[in-house]
PDB file of N, CA and C in Angstrom:
ATOM      1  N   MET A   1      65.218 -69.089 -82.140  1.00  0.00           N
ATOM      2  CA  MET A   1      64.603 -69.922 -83.151  1.00  0.00           C
ATOM      3  C   MET A   1      63.685 -70.959 -82.513  1.00  0.00           C
ATOM      4  N   ASN A   2      64.113 -71.546 -81.381  1.00  0.00           N
ATOM      5  CA  ASN A   2      63.280 -72.542 -80.713  1.00  0.00           C
ATOM      6  C   ASN A   2      61.997 -71.916 -80.160  1.00  0.00           C
ATOM      7  N   ALA A   3      62.087 -70.685 -79.686  1.00  0.00           N
ATOM      8  CA  ALA A   3      60.900 -70.008 -79.157  1.00  0.00           C
ATOM      9  C   ALA A   3      59.899 -69.738 -80.275  1.00  0.00           C
ATOM     10  N   LEU A   4      60.404 -69.362 -81.448  1.00  0.00           N
ATOM     11  CA  LEU A   4      59.532 -69.114 -82.591  1.00  0.00           C
ATOM     12  C   LEU A   4      58.862 -70.408 -83.046  1.00  0.00           C
ATOM     13  N   LEU A   5      59.624 -71.498 -83.066  1.00  0.00           N
ATOM     14  CA  LEU A   5      59.080 -72.793 -83.446  1.00  0.00           C
ATOM     15  C   LEU A   5      58.048 -73.279 -82.426  1.00  0.00           C
ATOM     16  N   ALA A   6      58.300 -73.087 -81.151  1.00  0.00           N
ATOM     17  CA  ALA A   6      57.352 -73.467 -80.106  1.00  0.00           C
ATOM     18  C   ALA A   6      56.074 -72.639 -80.218  1.00  0.00           C
ATOM     19  N   TRP A   7      56.224 -71.340 -80.494  1.00  0.00           N
ATOM     20  CA  TRP A   7      55.042 -70.478 -80.645  1.00  0.00           C
ATOM     21  C   TRP A   7      54.208 -70.904 -81.849  1.00  0.00           C
ATOM     22  N   PHE A   8      54.872 -71.234 -82.956  1.00  0.00           N
ATOM     23  CA  PHE A   8      54.179 -71.695 -84.155  1.00  0.00           C
ATOM     24  C   PHE A   8      53.476 -73.025 -83.891  1.00  0.00           C
ATOM     25  N   PHE A   9      54.128 -73.926 -83.160  1.00  0.00           N
ATOM     26  CA  PHE A   9      53.542 -75.227 -82.837  1.00  0.00           C
ATOM     27  C   PHE A   9      52.299 -75.052 -81.955  1.00  0.00           C
ATOM     28  N   LYS A  10      52.361 -74.158 -80.969  1.00  0.00           N
ATOM     29  CA  LYS A  10      51.198 -73.889 -80.113  1.00  0.00           C
ATOM     30  C   LYS A  10      50.063 -73.286 -80.919  1.00  0.00           C
ATOM     31  N   LEU A  11      50.397 -72.387 -81.836  1.00  0.00           N
ATOM     32  CA  LEU A  11      49.379 -71.765 -82.676  1.00  0.00           C
ATOM     33  C   LEU A  11      48.717 -72.802 -83.590  1.00  0.00           C
ATOM     34  N   ALA A  12      49.511 -73.720 -84.144  1.00  0.00           N
ATOM     35  CA  ALA A  12      48.963 -74.764 -85.021  1.00  0.00           C
ATOM     36  C   ALA A  12      48.058 -75.706 -84.233  1.00  0.00           C
ATOM     37  N   LEU A  13      48.471 -76.073 -83.027  1.00  0.00           N
ATOM     38  CA  LEU A  13      47.629 -76.948 -82.205  1.00  0.00           C
ATOM     39  C   LEU A  13      46.342 -76.259 -81.773  1.00  0.00           C
ATOM     40  N   ALA A  14      46.417 -74.980 -81.470  1.00  0.00           N
ATOM     41  CA  ALA A  14      45.212 -74.224 -81.101  1.00  0.00           C
ATOM     42  C   ALA A  14      44.254 -74.147 -82.287  1.00  0.00           C
ATOM     43  N   ALA A  15      44.781 -73.914 -83.473  1.00  0.00           N
ATOM     44  CA  ALA A  15      43.943 -73.864 -84.671  1.00  0.00           C
ATOM     45  C   ALA A  15      43.302 -75.223 -84.936  1.00  0.00           C
ATOM     46  N   ALA A  16      44.067 -76.293 -84.752  1.00  0.00           N
ATOM     47  CA  ALA A  16      43.523 -77.636 -84.950  1.00  0.00           C
ATOM     48  C   ALA A  16      42.418 -77.921 -83.929  1.00  0.00           C
ATOM     49  N   ALA A  17      42.610 -77.492 -82.696  1.00  0.00           N
ATOM     50  CA  ALA A  17      41.593 -77.695 -81.664  1.00  0.00           C
ATOM     51  C   ALA A  17      40.324 -76.912 -81.987  1.00  0.00           C
ATOM     52  N   LEU A  18      40.480 -75.679 -82.473  1.00  0.00           N
ATOM     53  CA  LEU A  18      39.317 -74.882 -82.857  1.00  0.00           C
ATOM     54  C   LEU A  18      38.567 -75.494 -84.037  1.00  0.00           C
ATOM     55  N   ILE A  19      39.306 -75.984 -84.998  1.00  0.00           N
ATOM     56  CA  ILE A  19      38.678 -76.635 -86.157  1.00  0.00           C
ATOM     57  C   ILE A  19      37.945 -77.900 -85.717  1.00  0.00           C
ATOM     58  N   PHE A  20      38.564 -78.672 -84.833  1.00  0.00           N
ATOM     59  CA  PHE A  20      37.922 -79.887 -84.333  1.00  0.00           C
ATOM     60  C   PHE A  20      36.651 -79.553 -83.567  1.00  0.00           C
ATOM     61  N   ALA A  21      36.693 -78.555 -82.695  1.00  0.00           N
ATOM     62  CA  ALA A  21      35.518 -78.170 -81.907  1.00  0.00           C
ATOM     63  C   ALA A  21      34.403 -77.657 -82.819  1.00  0.00           C
ATOM     64  N   ALA A  22      34.762 -76.861 -83.812  1.00  0.00           N
ATOM     65  CA  ALA A  22      33.757 -76.339 -84.738  1.00  0.00           C
ATOM     66  C   ALA A  22      33.124 -77.458 -85.551  1.00  0.00           C
ATOM     67  N   SER A  23      33.933 -78.413 -85.994  1.00  0.00           N
ATOM     68  CA  SER A  23      33.379 -79.523 -86.774  1.00  0.00           C
ATOM     69  C   SER A  23      32.495 -80.411 -85.901  1.00  0.00           C
ATOM     70  N   LEU A  24      32.857 -80.576 -84.650  1.00  0.00           N
ATOM     71  CA  LEU A  24      32.031 -81.360 -83.730  1.00  0.00           C
ATOM     72  C   LEU A  24      30.686 -80.673 -83.491  1.00  0.00           C
ATOM     73  N   LEU A  25      30.707 -79.360 -83.287  1.00  0.00           N
ATOM     74  CA  LEU A  25      29.460 -78.619 -83.105  1.00  0.00           C
ATOM     75  C   LEU A  25      28.601 -78.656 -84.371  1.00  0.00           C
ATOM     76  N   LEU A  26      29.218 -78.559 -85.519  1.00  0.00           N
ATOM     77  CA  LEU A  26      28.485 -78.631 -86.775  1.00  0.00           C
ATOM     78  C   LEU A  26      27.856 -80.005 -86.966  1.00  0.00           C
ATOM     79  N   ALA A  27      28.598 -81.064 -86.649  1.00  0.00           N
ATOM     80  CA  ALA A  27      28.059 -82.414 -86.760  1.00  0.00           C
ATOM     81  C   ALA A  27      26.878 -82.606 -85.804  1.00  0.00           C
ATOM     82  N   LEU A  28      26.981 -82.086 -84.577  1.00  0.00           N
ATOM     83  CA  LEU A  28      25.873 -82.204 -83.630  1.00  0.00           C
ATOM     84  C   LEU A  28      24.648 -81.440 -84.111  1.00  0.00           C
ATOM     85  N   LEU A  29      24.860 -80.284 -84.718  1.00  0.00           N
ATOM     86  CA  LEU A  29      23.754 -79.504 -85.242  1.00  0.00           C
ATOM     87  C   LEU A  29      23.067 -80.234 -86.387  1.00  0.00           C
ATOM     88  N   VAL A  30      23.841 -80.839 -87.266  1.00  0.00           N
ATOM     89  CA  VAL A  30      23.265 -81.598 -88.383  1.00  0.00           C
ATOM     90  C   VAL A  30      22.472 -82.787 -87.862  1.00  0.00           C
ATOM     91  N   ILE A  31      23.007 -83.498 -86.882  1.00  0.00           N
ATOM     92  CA  ILE A  31      22.302 -84.644 -86.303  1.00  0.00           C
ATOM     93  C   ILE A  31      21.010 -84.189 -85.638  1.00  0.00           C
ATOM     94  N   LEU A  32      21.047 -83.070 -84.953  1.00  0.00           N
ATOM     95  CA  LEU A  32      19.856 -82.526 -84.299  1.00  0.00           C
ATOM     96  C   LEU A  32      18.763 -82.205 -85.313  1.00  0.00           C
ATOM     97  N   VAL A  33      19.133 -81.542 -86.393  1.00  0.00           N
ATOM     98  CA  VAL A  33      18.159 -81.163 -87.419  1.00  0.00           C
ATOM     99  C   VAL A  33      17.594 -82.404 -88.110  1.00  0.00           C
ATOM    100  N   VAL A  34      18.458 -83.339 -88.471  1.00  0.00           N
ATOM    101  CA  VAL A  34      18.003 -84.548 -89.165  1.00  0.00           C
ATOM    102  C   VAL A  34      17.093 -85.383 -88.273  1.00  0.00           C
ATOM    103  N   SER A  35      17.445 -85.546 -87.008  1.00  0.00           N
ATOM    104  CA  SER A  35      16.603 -86.350 -86.123  1.00  0.00           C
ATOM    105  C   SER A  35      15.271 -85.663 -85.845  1.00  0.00           C
ATOM    106  N   SER A  36      15.267 -84.341 -85.770  1.00  0.00           N
ATOM    107  CA  SER A  36      14.002 -83.619 -85.582  1.00  0.00           C
ATOM    108  C   SER A  36      13.109 -83.768 -86.810  1.00  0.00           C
ATOM    109  N   LEU A  37      13.682 -83.619 -87.985  1.00  0.00           N
ATOM    110  CA  LEU A  37      12.901 -83.800 -89.210  1.00  0.00           C
ATOM    111  C   LEU A  37      12.388 -85.229 -89.331  1.00  0.00           C
ATOM    112  N   TRP A  38      13.207 -86.203 -88.973  1.00  0.00           N
ATOM    113  CA  TRP A  38      12.810 -87.606 -89.029  1.00  0.00           C
ATOM    114  C   TRP A  38      11.628 -87.866 -88.086  1.00  0.00           C
ATOM    115  N   SER A  39      11.686 -87.302 -86.897  1.00  0.00           N
ATOM    116  CA  SER A  39      10.586 -87.478 -85.946  1.00  0.00           C
ATOM    117  C   SER A  39       9.311 -86.822 -86.463  1.00  0.00           C
ATOM    118  N   LEU A  40       9.438 -85.634 -87.006  1.00  0.00           N
ATOM    119  CA  LEU A  40       8.258 -84.943 -87.522  1.00  0.00           C
ATOM    120  C   LEU A  40       7.654 -85.664 -88.721  1.00  0.00           C
ATOM    121  N   LEU A  41       8.498 -86.247 -89.568  1.00  0.00           N
ATOM    122  CA  LEU A  41       7.983 -87.002 -90.712  1.00  0.00           C
ATOM    123  C   LEU A  41       7.230 -88.253 -90.273  1.00  0.00           C
ATOM    124  N   HIS A  42       7.624 -88.822 -89.147  1.00  0.00           N
ATOM    125  CA  HIS A  42       6.962 -90.021 -88.643  1.00  0.00           C
ATOM    126  C   HIS A  42       5.855 -89.699 -87.644  1.00  0.00           C
ATOM    127  N   GLY A  43       5.525 -88.441 -87.485  1.00  0.00           N
ATOM    128  CA  GLY A  43       4.402 -88.055 -86.653  1.00  0.00           C
ATOM    129  C   GLY A  43       4.668 -88.087 -85.162  1.00  0.00           C
ATOM    130  N   ARG A  44       5.913 -88.010 -84.772  1.00  0.00           N
ATOM    131  CA  ARG A  44       6.255 -87.996 -83.351  1.00  0.00           C
ATOM    132  C   ARG A  44       6.811 -86.644 -82.971  1.00  0.00           C
ATOM    133  N   LYS A  45       6.760 -86.368 -81.685  1.00  0.00           N
ATOM    134  CA  LYS A  45       7.330 -85.134 -81.185  1.00  0.00           C
ATOM    135  C   LYS A  45       8.859 -85.277 -81.195  1.00  0.00           C
ATOM    136  N   PRO A  46       9.579 -84.261 -81.645  1.00  0.00           N
ATOM    137  CA  PRO A  46      11.050 -84.371 -81.652  1.00  0.00           C
ATOM    138  C   PRO A  46      11.609 -84.607 -80.247  1.00  0.00           C
ATOM    139  N   GLN A  47      12.630 -85.412 -80.171  1.00  0.00           N
ATOM    140  CA  GLN A  47      13.211 -85.788 -78.885  1.00  0.00           C
ATOM    141  C   GLN A  47      13.769 -84.577 -78.143  1.00  0.00           C
ATOM    142  N   VAL A  48      14.211 -83.587 -78.882  1.00  0.00           N
ATOM    143  CA  VAL A  48      14.734 -82.374 -78.243  1.00  0.00           C
ATOM    144  C   VAL A  48      13.612 -81.679 -77.476  1.00  0.00           C
ATOM    145  N   ALA A  49      12.438 -81.623 -78.072  1.00  0.00           N
ATOM    146  CA  ALA A  49      11.302 -80.985 -77.406  1.00  0.00           C
ATOM    147  C   ALA A  49      10.883 -81.776 -76.171  1.00  0.00           C
ATOM    148  N   VAL A  50      10.940 -83.104 -76.262  1.00  0.00           N
ATOM    149  CA  VAL A  50      10.578 -83.941 -75.124  1.00  0.00           C
ATOM    150  C   VAL A  50      11.550 -83.721 -73.975  1.00  0.00           C
ATOM    151  N   LEU A  51      12.841 -83.726 -74.274  1.00  0.00           N
ATOM    152  CA  LEU A  51      13.842 -83.515 -73.239  1.00  0.00           C
ATOM    153  C   LEU A  51      13.744 -82.119 -72.636  1.00  0.00           C
ATOM    154  N   TRP A  52      13.471 -81.120 -73.464  1.00  0.00           N
ATOM    155  CA  TRP A  52      13.336 -79.751 -72.956  1.00  0.00           C
ATOM    156  C   TRP A  52      12.131 -79.650 -72.018  1.00  0.00           C
ATOM    157  N   THR A  53      11.025 -80.309 -72.383  1.00  0.00           N
ATOM    158  CA  THR A  53       9.832 -80.292 -71.536  1.00  0.00           C
ATOM    159  C   THR A  53      10.113 -80.963 -70.201  1.00  0.00           C
ATOM    160  N   ARG A  54      10.807 -82.103 -70.236  1.00  0.00           N
ATOM    161  CA  ARG A  54      11.147 -82.797 -68.982  1.00  0.00           C
ATOM    162  C   ARG A  54      12.060 -81.938 -68.107  1.00  0.00           C
ATOM    163  N   TYR A  55      13.016 -81.279 -68.717  1.00  0.00           N
ATOM    164  CA  TYR A  55      13.926 -80.418 -67.955  1.00  0.00           C
ATOM    165  C   TYR A  55      13.162 -79.259 -67.335  1.00  0.00           C
ATOM    166  N   ARG A  56      12.267 -78.652 -68.102  1.00  0.00           N
ATOM    167  CA  ARG A  56      11.481 -77.533 -67.599  1.00  0.00           C
ATOM    168  C   ARG A  56      10.585 -77.978 -66.436  1.00  0.00           C
ATOM    169  N   ASP A  57       9.971 -79.168 -66.567  1.00  0.00           N
ATOM    170  CA  ASP A  57       9.142 -79.681 -65.480  1.00  0.00           C
ATOM    171  C   ASP A  57       9.979 -79.991 -64.243  1.00  0.00           C
ATOM    172  N   LEU A  58      11.179 -80.508 -64.451  1.00  0.00           N
ATOM    173  CA  LEU A  58      12.062 -80.815 -63.329  1.00  0.00           C
ATOM    174  C   LEU A  58      12.475 -79.538 -62.600  1.00  0.00           C
ATOM    175  N   THR A  59      12.849 -78.518 -63.342  1.00  0.00           N
ATOM    176  CA  THR A  59      13.257 -77.271 -62.690  1.00  0.00           C
ATOM    177  C   THR A  59      12.070 -76.591 -62.028  1.00  0.00           C
ATOM    178  N   ARG A  60      10.899 -76.724 -62.595  1.00  0.00           N
ATOM    179  CA  ARG A  60       9.706 -76.166 -61.969  1.00  0.00           C
ATOM    180  C   ARG A  60       9.406 -76.899 -60.665  1.00  0.00           C
ATOM    181  N   GLY A  61       9.615 -78.221 -60.647  1.00  0.00           N
ATOM    182  CA  GLY A  61       9.413 -78.994 -59.423  1.00  0.00           C
ATOM    183  C   GLY A  61      10.436 -78.656 -58.358  1.00  0.00           C
ATOM    184  N   MET A  62      11.666 -78.360 -58.766  1.00  0.00           N
ATOM    185  CA  MET A  62      12.692 -77.962 -57.804  1.00  0.00           C
ATOM    186  C   MET A  62      12.336 -76.634 -57.156  1.00  0.00           C
ATOM    187  N   ALA A  63      11.744 -75.731 -57.937  1.00  0.00           N
ATOM    188  CA  ALA A  63      11.383 -74.432 -57.402  1.00  0.00           C
ATOM    189  C   ALA A  63      10.207 -74.528 -56.435  1.00  0.00           C
ATOM    190  N   GLN A  64       9.399 -75.580 -56.553  1.00  0.00           N
ATOM    191  CA  GLN A  64       8.219 -75.723 -55.711  1.00  0.00           C
ATOM    192  C   GLN A  64       8.442 -76.655 -54.530  1.00  0.00           C
ATOM    193  N   GLY A  65       9.655 -76.906 -54.150  1.00  0.00           N
ATOM    194  CA  GLY A  65       9.896 -77.695 -52.956  1.00  0.00           C
ATOM    195  C   GLY A  65      10.888 -78.820 -53.129  1.00  0.00           C
ATOM    196  N   GLY A  66      11.413 -78.993 -54.293  1.00  0.00           N
ATOM    197  CA  GLY A  66      12.433 -79.997 -54.498  1.00  0.00           C
ATOM    198  C   GLY A  66      11.857 -81.344 -54.894  1.00  0.00           C
ATOM    199  N   PRO A  67      12.724 -82.280 -55.207  1.00  0.00           N
ATOM    200  CA  PRO A  67      12.263 -83.579 -55.696  1.00  0.00           C
ATOM    201  C   PRO A  67      11.590 -84.432 -54.623  1.00  0.00           C
ATOM    202  N   TRP A  68      11.808 -84.129 -53.353  1.00  0.00           N
ATOM    203  CA  TRP A  68      11.220 -84.927 -52.289  1.00  0.00           C
ATOM    204  C   TRP A  68      10.031 -84.238 -51.645  1.00  0.00           C
ATOM    205  N   ALA A  69       9.449 -83.275 -52.326  1.00  0.00           N
ATOM    206  CA  ALA A  69       8.318 -82.543 -51.760  1.00  0.00           C
ATOM    207  C   ALA A  69       7.122 -83.463 -51.556  1.00  0.00           C
ATOM    208  N   ALA A  70       6.950 -84.442 -52.426  1.00  0.00           N
ATOM    209  CA  ALA A  70       5.811 -85.356 -52.294  1.00  0.00           C
ATOM    210  C   ALA A  70       5.968 -86.263 -51.082  1.00  0.00           C
ATOM    211  N   ALA A  71       7.177 -86.538 -50.674  1.00  0.00           N
ATOM    212  CA  ALA A  71       7.403 -87.435 -49.536  1.00  0.00           C
ATOM    213  C   ALA A  71       7.165 -86.728 -48.204  1.00  0.00           C
ATOM    214  N   ARG A  72       7.112 -85.416 -48.201  1.00  0.00           N
ATOM    215  CA  ARG A  72       6.927 -84.670 -46.955  1.00  0.00           C
ATOM    216  C   ARG A  72       5.505 -84.735 -46.441  1.00  0.00           C
ATOM    217  N   GLY A  73       4.563 -84.955 -47.302  1.00  0.00           N
ATOM    218  CA  GLY A  73       3.175 -85.014 -46.877  1.00  0.00           C
ATOM    219  C   GLY A  73       2.267 -84.711 -48.040  1.00  0.00           C
ATOM    220  N   PRO A  74       0.974 -84.904 -47.852  1.00  0.00           N
ATOM    221  CA  PRO A  74       0.050 -84.681 -48.951  1.00  0.00           C
ATOM    222  C   PRO A  74      -0.061 -83.199 -49.296  1.00  0.00           C
ATOM    223  N   THR A  75      -0.221 -82.938 -50.544  1.00  0.00           N
ATOM    224  CA  THR A  75      -0.387 -81.565 -50.989  1.00  0.00           C
ATOM    225  C   THR A  75      -1.843 -81.161 -50.834  1.00  0.00           C
ATOM    226  N   ALA A  76      -2.151 -79.920 -51.113  1.00  0.00           N
ATOM    227  CA  ALA A  76      -3.518 -79.431 -50.987  1.00  0.00           C
ATOM    228  C   ALA A  76      -4.438 -80.158 -51.965  1.00  0.00           C
ATOM    229  N   GLN A  77      -3.923 -80.473 -53.133  1.00  0.00           N
ATOM    230  CA  GLN A  77      -4.727 -81.172 -54.125  1.00  0.00           C
ATOM    231  C   GLN A  77      -5.022 -82.598 -53.657  1.00  0.00           C
ATOM    232  N   ALA A  78      -4.050 -83.259 -53.064  1.00  0.00           N
ATOM    233  CA  ALA A  78      -4.261 -84.619 -52.578  1.00  0.00           C
ATOM    234  C   ALA A  78      -5.230 -84.628 -51.405  1.00  0.00           C
ATOM    235  N   ARG A  79      -5.154 -83.625 -50.533  1.00  0.00           N
ATOM    236  CA  ARG A  79      -6.081 -83.554 -49.408  1.00  0.00           C
ATOM    237  C   ARG A  79      -7.500 -83.289 -49.880  1.00  0.00           C
ATOM    238  N   ALA A  80      -7.655 -82.526 -50.962  1.00  0.00           N
ATOM    239  CA  ALA A  80      -8.988 -82.226 -51.473  1.00  0.00           C
ATOM    240  C   ALA A  80      -9.616 -83.427 -52.150  1.00  0.00           C
ATOM    241  N   SER A  81      -8.807 -84.380 -52.607  1.00  0.00           N
ATOM    242  CA  SER A  81      -9.351 -85.542 -53.310  1.00  0.00           C
ATOM    243  C   SER A  81      -9.311 -86.794 -52.443  1.00  0.00           C
ATOM    244  N   ASP A  82      -9.517 -86.660 -51.140  1.00  0.00           N
ATOM    245  CA  ASP A  82      -9.511 -87.827 -50.254  1.00  0.00           C
ATOM    246  C   ASP A  82     -10.728 -88.712 -50.453  1.00  0.00           C
ATOM    247  N   ASP A  83     -11.790 -88.186 -51.050  1.00  0.00           N
ATOM    248  CA  ASP A  83     -12.997 -88.984 -51.215  1.00  0.00           C
ATOM    249  C   ASP A  83     -12.953 -89.863 -52.454  1.00  0.00           C
ATOM    250  N   ILE A  84     -11.873 -89.844 -53.199  1.00  0.00           N
ATOM    251  CA  ILE A  84     -11.747 -90.679 -54.392  1.00  0.00           C
ATOM    252  C   ILE A  84     -11.357 -92.082 -53.963  1.00  0.00           C
ATOM    253  N   VAL A  85     -12.080 -93.076 -54.492  1.00  0.00           N
ATOM    254  CA  VAL A  85     -11.810 -94.476 -54.190  1.00  0.00           C
ATOM    255  C   VAL A  85     -11.110 -95.078 -55.402  1.00  0.00           C
ATOM    256  N   ASP A  86      -9.941 -95.623 -55.191  1.00  0.00           N
ATOM    257  CA  ASP A  86      -9.180 -96.182 -56.301  1.00  0.00           C
ATOM    258  C   ASP A  86      -9.694 -97.551 -56.722  1.00  0.00           C
ATOM    259  N   VAL A  87     -10.078 -98.379 -55.755  1.00  0.00           N
ATOM    260  CA  VAL A  87     -10.449 -99.757 -56.044  1.00  0.00           C
ATOM    261  C   VAL A  87     -11.794-100.047 -55.386  1.00  0.00           C
ATOM    262  N   GLN A  88     -12.671-100.677 -56.130  1.00  0.00           N
ATOM    263  CA  GLN A  88     -13.936-101.124 -55.563  1.00  0.00           C
ATOM    264  C   GLN A  88     -13.740-102.529 -55.000  1.00  0.00           C
ATOM    265  N   VAL A  89     -14.282-102.757 -53.833  1.00  0.00           N
ATOM    266  CA  VAL A  89     -14.150-104.058 -53.190  1.00  0.00           C
ATOM    267  C   VAL A  89     -15.119-105.029 -53.841  1.00  0.00           C
ATOM    268  N   LYS A  90     -14.619-106.215 -54.166  1.00  0.00           N
ATOM    269  CA  LYS A  90     -15.449-107.246 -54.762  1.00  0.00           C
ATOM    270  C   LYS A  90     -15.189-108.543 -54.013  1.00  0.00           C
ATOM    271  N   GLU A  91     -16.255-109.148 -53.546  1.00  0.00           N
ATOM    272  CA  GLU A  91     -16.101-110.382 -52.787  1.00  0.00           C
ATOM    273  C   GLU A  91     -15.883-111.537 -53.747  1.00  0.00           C
ATOM    274  N   VAL A  92     -14.878-112.339 -53.464  1.00  0.00           N
ATOM    275  CA  VAL A  92     -14.569-113.503 -54.285  1.00  0.00           C
ATOM    276  C   VAL A  92     -14.984-114.733 -53.502  1.00  0.00           C
ATOM    277  N   ARG A  93     -15.912-115.504 -54.074  1.00  0.00           N
ATOM    278  CA  ARG A  93     -16.402-116.712 -53.410  1.00  0.00           C
ATOM    279  C   ARG A  93     -15.734-117.921 -54.034  1.00  0.00           C
ATOM    280  N   GLU A  94     -15.520-118.900 -53.209  1.00  0.00           N
ATOM    281  CA  GLU A  94     -14.910-120.127 -53.715  1.00  0.00           C
ATOM    282  C   GLU A  94     -15.977-120.946 -54.412  1.00  0.00           C
ATOM    283  N   SER A  95     -15.664-121.424 -55.590  1.00  0.00           N
ATOM    284  CA  SER A  95     -16.624-122.241 -56.326  1.00  0.00           C
ATOM    285  C   SER A  95     -16.352-123.709 -56.059  1.00  0.00           C
ATOM    286  N   ALA A  96     -17.371-124.513 -56.291  1.00  0.00           N
ATOM    287  CA  ALA A  96     -17.242-125.949 -56.046  1.00  0.00           C
ATOM    288  C   ALA A  96     -16.398-126.605 -57.124  1.00  0.00           C
ATOM    289  N   GLN A  97     -16.436-126.073 -58.315  1.00  0.00           N
ATOM    290  CA  GLN A  97     -15.663-126.675 -59.401  1.00  0.00           C
ATOM    291  C   GLN A  97     -14.256-126.099 -59.404  1.00  0.00           C
ATOM    292  N   ARG A  98     -13.320-126.999 -59.394  1.00  0.00           N
ATOM    293  CA  ARG A  98     -11.923-126.594 -59.470  1.00  0.00           C
ATOM    294  C   ARG A  98     -11.248-127.381 -60.581  1.00  0.00           C
ATOM    295  N   LEU A  99     -10.208-126.837 -61.079  1.00  0.00           N
ATOM    296  CA  LEU A  99      -9.439-127.551 -62.095  1.00  0.00           C
ATOM    297  C   LEU A  99      -8.654-128.677 -61.427  1.00  0.00           C
ATOM    298  N   PRO A 100      -8.468-129.776 -62.144  1.00  0.00           N
ATOM    299  CA  PRO A 100      -7.647-130.845 -61.549  1.00  0.00           C
ATOM    300  C   PRO A 100      -6.198-130.396 -61.431  1.00  0.00           C
ATOM    301  N   PRO A 101      -5.476-130.912 -60.472  1.00  0.00           N
ATOM    302  CA  PRO A 101      -4.071-130.521 -60.324  1.00  0.00           C
ATOM    303  C   PRO A 101      -3.237-130.952 -61.522  1.00  0.00           C
ATOM    304  N   ARG A 102      -2.264-130.142 -61.825  1.00  0.00           N
ATOM    305  CA  ARG A 102      -1.349-130.479 -62.938  1.00  0.00           C
ATOM    306  C   ARG A 102      -0.323-131.485 -62.465  1.00  0.00           C
ATOM    307  N   ASP A 103       0.106-132.303 -63.430  1.00  0.00           N
ATOM    308  CA  ASP A 103       1.139-133.291 -63.097  1.00  0.00           C
ATOM    309  C   ASP A 103       2.504-132.723 -63.228  1.00  0.00           C
TER     310      ASP A 103
END
């Protein structure tokens, strides 16, 4: 009798765990759909698409040398653009008029 009761108790707990997991997955699916629709209604890209794009770019970067590939040295594209000047030099001259010191 105790073995039958223990088996029934395990079966009831397993069923409760399955129901809980299914309800959790259903709630996550509803939240996903609602947040995607909300983003689209407000003219933004859904967050799921943004995260998927970032993940895809990250895995693509891992396949091309890992996250520290840029620290190893310049890439072919960077070597080809060595003639690009980021900042133009501008001479700053001191003027005779200065503001009085603050108290």
